[in-house]
């Protein structure tokens, strides 16, 4: 390149390093939990949880940190990061799942219903979640209707687990387009009974495609 020398290259490298360093933030464990809880509120997790709890499908069943009438007494990074199948569906269909996963993969020490996350650590990618509560409201209404229409105990919980497994498989086969397409069709079929949700999702995509 005319006029380009090693000093220019060194300057570019230095700028790149400085820019990367400026993106890295020292964050506390508590701050990460608060960021996660705020994001879940924007997603509308509480609306979905209420339906699952009524149908004996609380993800927190049997947890030693759970207290009747109070809820969780000890929030941790692991449970904040964890998503059930319905919450994964919400983020998957709105293309927010990767943002969620990319943020939480930076958080060390996650385990089952507890964490060993240090009090302070570095993160580079922030978590900025859009408000999609209208989608959650629609999905919750669909789930209540399905639960009432199906006599089989635990119908929507079984559906939740099937959606969960398929989205996990979809996330794990990025290098296999054929398999991914097949799983996407499975997810679409599993979510086809969600009439209100799918209508709301069409509106959401239309709005955001024009944004």
Protein backbone atom coordinates (compact mmCIF):
# COMPACT_ATOMS: atom_id res chain seq x y z
CA UNK A 1 0.00 0.00 0.00
CA UNK A 2 1.55 3.38 -1.04
CA UNK A 3 2.73 5.47 1.88
CA UNK A 4 2.06 2.71 4.44
CA UNK A 5 4.96 1.80 6.71
CA UNK A 6 5.65 -0.22 9.84
CA UNK A 7 4.95 2.79 12.06
CA UNK A 8 1.46 3.05 10.58
CA UNK A 9 0.91 -0.66 11.22
CA UNK A 10 2.08 -0.30 14.81
CA UNK A 11 -0.29 2.60 15.32
CA UNK A 12 -3.22 0.60 13.92
CA UNK A 13 -2.36 -2.36 16.15
CA UNK A 14 -2.14 -0.06 19.15
CA UNK A 15 -5.52 1.49 18.35
CA UNK A 16 -7.08 -1.95 17.98
CA UNK A 17 -5.68 -3.11 21.31
CA UNK A 18 -6.82 0.08 23.04
CA UNK A 19 -10.31 -0.28 21.58
CA UNK A 20 -10.56 -3.90 22.72
CA UNK A 21 -9.31 -2.96 26.17
CA UNK A 22 -11.88 -0.17 26.44
CA UNK A 23 -14.67 -2.72 25.87
CA UNK A 24 -13.54 -4.88 28.79
CA UNK A 25 -15.23 -3.99 32.06
CA UNK A 26 -14.57 -5.11 35.59
CA UNK A 27 -17.97 -6.24 36.82
CA UNK A 28 -19.23 -7.52 40.13
CA UNK A 29 -21.13 -10.75 40.57
CA UNK A 30 -24.08 -8.84 42.02
CA UNK A 31 -24.13 -6.42 39.10
CA UNK A 32 -24.26 -9.29 36.62
CA UNK A 33 -27.20 -10.82 38.48
CA UNK A 34 -29.03 -7.47 38.45
CA UNK A 35 -28.37 -7.09 34.71
CA UNK A 36 -29.77 -10.58 34.16
CA UNK A 37 -32.86 -10.00 36.28
CA UNK A 38 -33.55 -6.73 34.47
CA UNK A 39 -33.20 -8.48 31.11
CA UNK A 40 -35.55 -11.27 32.20
CA UNK A 41 -38.09 -8.65 33.22
CA UNK A 42 -37.88 -7.12 29.74
CA UNK A 43 -38.37 -10.58 28.25
CA UNK A 44 -41.39 -11.16 30.48
CA UNK A 45 -40.16 -14.27 32.27
CA UNK A 46 -42.53 -13.65 35.18
CA UNK A 47 -45.52 -14.07 32.87
CA UNK A 48 -44.31 -17.46 31.68
CA UNK A 49 -43.26 -18.61 35.16
CA UNK A 50 -46.74 -17.96 36.55
CA UNK A 51 -48.28 -20.33 34.01
CA UNK A 52 -45.73 -23.08 34.66
CA UNK A 53 -46.07 -22.76 38.43
CA UNK A 54 -49.86 -23.12 38.25
CA UNK A 55 -49.34 -26.25 36.17
CA UNK A 56 -46.87 -27.75 38.68
CA UNK A 57 -43.93 -27.09 36.41
CA UNK A 58 -41.85 -24.62 38.38
CA UNK A 59 -38.19 -24.88 37.41
CA UNK A 60 -37.33 -24.12 41.05
CA UNK A 61 -39.13 -27.15 42.53
CA UNK A 62 -37.06 -28.72 45.27
CA UNK A 63 -34.49 -25.94 45.43
CA UNK A 64 -33.19 -25.31 48.96
CA UNK A 65 -33.13 -21.57 48.29
CA UNK A 66 -36.89 -21.45 47.63
CA UNK A 67 -39.25 -20.36 50.40
CA UNK A 68 -43.05 -20.47 50.24
CA UNK A 69 -44.61 -17.05 49.85
CA UNK A 70 -41.23 -15.42 49.30
CA UNK A 71 -39.62 -17.14 46.36
CA UNK A 72 -35.88 -17.32 45.83
CA UNK A 73 -33.85 -16.20 48.83
CA UNK A 74 -30.44 -16.46 47.20
CA UNK A 75 -30.12 -15.33 43.60
CA UNK A 76 -27.05 -16.67 41.81
CA UNK A 77 -25.51 -16.29 38.38
CA UNK A 78 -26.39 -19.86 37.34
CA UNK A 79 -30.14 -19.62 37.88
CA UNK A 80 -30.25 -16.11 36.43
CA UNK A 81 -28.54 -17.29 33.24
CA UNK A 82 -30.63 -20.45 32.89
CA UNK A 83 -33.60 -20.38 30.49
CA UNK A 84 -36.49 -22.81 30.21
CA UNK A 85 -37.76 -23.95 26.83
CA UNK A 86 -40.41 -21.25 26.60
CA UNK A 87 -37.97 -18.45 27.41
CA UNK A 88 -35.52 -19.89 24.90
CA UNK A 89 -38.31 -19.87 22.33
CA UNK A 90 -38.94 -16.19 22.98
CA UNK A 91 -35.27 -15.31 22.48
CA UNK A 92 -34.81 -17.75 19.59
CA UNK A 93 -37.72 -16.34 17.58
CA UNK A 94 -36.64 -12.74 18.20
CA UNK A 95 -32.97 -13.47 17.41
CA UNK A 96 -31.88 -12.47 20.92
CA UNK A 97 -30.70 -15.88 22.08
CA UNK A 98 -27.13 -15.42 20.85
CA UNK A 99 -26.84 -12.11 22.71
CA UNK A 100 -27.99 -13.83 25.89
CA UNK A 101 -25.61 -16.78 25.48
CA UNK A 102 -22.66 -14.56 24.52
CA UNK A 103 -23.08 -12.54 27.69
CA UNK A 104 -23.42 -15.44 30.12
CA UNK A 105 -20.58 -17.48 28.66
CA UNK A 106 -18.30 -14.75 30.02
CA UNK A 107 -19.49 -15.34 33.58
CA UNK A 108 -17.34 -17.95 35.35
CA UNK A 109 -18.32 -20.38 38.08
CA UNK A 110 -21.85 -21.34 37.05
CA UNK A 111 -23.19 -24.61 38.41
CA UNK A 112 -26.53 -26.30 39.10
CA UNK A 113 -28.64 -24.05 41.37
CA UNK A 114 -25.52 -22.46 42.82
CA UNK A 115 -22.48 -20.63 41.62
CA UNK A 116 -18.81 -20.25 42.38
CA UNK A 117 -18.62 -16.96 40.52
CA UNK A 118 -15.93 -14.63 41.90
CA UNK A 119 -17.05 -11.31 43.36
CA UNK A 120 -15.35 -9.43 40.53
CA UNK A 121 -14.36 -10.46 37.00
CA UNK A 122 -14.01 -9.02 33.52
CA UNK A 123 -16.64 -9.03 30.77
CA UNK A 124 -16.35 -7.68 27.25
CA UNK A 125 -19.79 -8.13 25.71
CA UNK A 126 -22.68 -6.27 27.37
CA UNK A 127 -26.24 -7.56 27.58
CA UNK A 128 -28.79 -5.24 26.02
CA UNK A 129 -32.18 -6.87 25.85
CA UNK A 130 -35.19 -5.48 24.00
CA UNK A 131 -38.54 -5.42 25.73
CA UNK A 132 -40.62 -8.29 24.33
CA UNK A 133 -43.21 -8.54 27.10
CA UNK A 134 -46.05 -8.33 24.58
CA UNK A 135 -44.78 -11.58 23.08
CA UNK A 136 -44.58 -13.18 26.52
CA UNK A 137 -48.12 -12.06 27.31
CA UNK A 138 -49.35 -13.67 24.10
CA UNK A 139 -47.41 -16.88 24.76
CA UNK A 140 -48.66 -17.06 28.36
CA UNK A 141 -52.25 -16.72 27.14
CA UNK A 142 -51.69 -19.53 24.63
CA UNK A 143 -50.18 -21.74 27.32
CA UNK A 144 -53.11 -21.18 29.67
CA UNK A 145 -55.51 -22.09 26.87
CA UNK A 146 -53.55 -25.22 25.97
CA UNK A 147 -53.35 -26.32 29.59
CA UNK A 148 -57.13 -26.00 29.91
CA UNK A 149 -57.81 -27.79 26.63
CA UNK A 150 -55.61 -30.82 27.34
CA UNK A 151 -56.69 -33.22 30.07
CA UNK A 152 -53.27 -34.86 30.25
CA UNK A 153 -51.40 -33.65 33.32
CA UNK A 154 -48.21 -31.81 32.49
CA UNK A 155 -48.98 -31.31 28.80
CA UNK A 156 -47.41 -27.85 28.54
CA UNK A 157 -44.45 -28.92 30.70
CA UNK A 158 -43.73 -31.78 28.30
CA UNK A 159 -44.05 -29.32 25.43
CA UNK A 160 -41.63 -26.97 27.20
CA UNK A 161 -39.02 -29.72 27.49
CA UNK A 162 -39.37 -30.69 23.82
CA UNK A 163 -38.88 -27.08 22.73
CA UNK A 164 -35.92 -26.78 25.09
CA UNK A 165 -34.17 -29.84 23.65
CA UNK A 166 -34.72 -28.78 20.06
CA UNK A 167 -33.38 -25.27 20.61
CA UNK A 168 -30.32 -26.69 22.39
CA UNK A 169 -29.71 -29.02 19.45
CA UNK A 170 -30.16 -26.11 17.04
CA UNK A 171 -27.54 -24.10 18.94
CA UNK A 172 -25.09 -26.99 18.83
CA UNK A 173 -25.17 -27.70 15.08
CA UNK A 174 -24.06 -24.39 13.58
CA UNK A 175 -21.88 -26.16 11.01
CA UNK A 176 -24.61 -28.48 9.74
CA UNK A 177 -27.17 -26.42 7.75
CA UNK A 178 -29.31 -29.44 6.81
CA UNK A 179 -29.64 -30.56 10.40
CA UNK A 180 -30.30 -26.99 11.50
CA UNK A 181 -33.10 -26.61 8.96
CA UNK A 182 -34.66 -29.85 10.13
CA UNK A 183 -34.56 -28.72 13.75
CA UNK A 184 -36.01 -25.32 12.80
CA UNK A 185 -38.96 -27.13 11.24
CA UNK A 186 -39.38 -29.13 14.45
CA UNK A 187 -39.41 -25.95 16.53
CA UNK A 188 -41.91 -24.38 14.17
CA UNK A 189 -44.17 -27.43 14.47
CA UNK A 190 -43.92 -27.48 18.26
CA UNK A 191 -44.79 -23.78 18.48
CA UNK A 192 -47.60 -23.92 15.91
CA UNK A 193 -50.37 -24.16 18.58
CA UNK A 194 -49.33 -20.76 19.93
CA UNK A 195 -51.82 -18.73 17.89
CA UNK A 196 -51.60 -15.44 19.78
CA UNK A 197 -47.85 -15.66 20.07
CA UNK A 198 -47.33 -16.29 16.36
CA UNK A 199 -49.58 -13.37 15.45
CA UNK A 200 -47.71 -11.10 17.84
CA UNK A 201 -44.40 -12.39 16.50
CA UNK A 202 -45.37 -11.49 12.93
CA UNK A 203 -46.12 -7.94 14.05
CA UNK A 204 -42.85 -7.78 16.00
CA UNK A 205 -40.81 -8.91 13.00
CA UNK A 206 -42.59 -6.48 10.71
CA UNK A 207 -41.85 -3.56 13.02
CA UNK A 208 -38.21 -4.50 13.55
CA UNK A 209 -37.55 -5.30 9.90
CA UNK A 210 -38.49 -1.69 9.10
CA UNK A 211 -36.50 -0.23 11.99
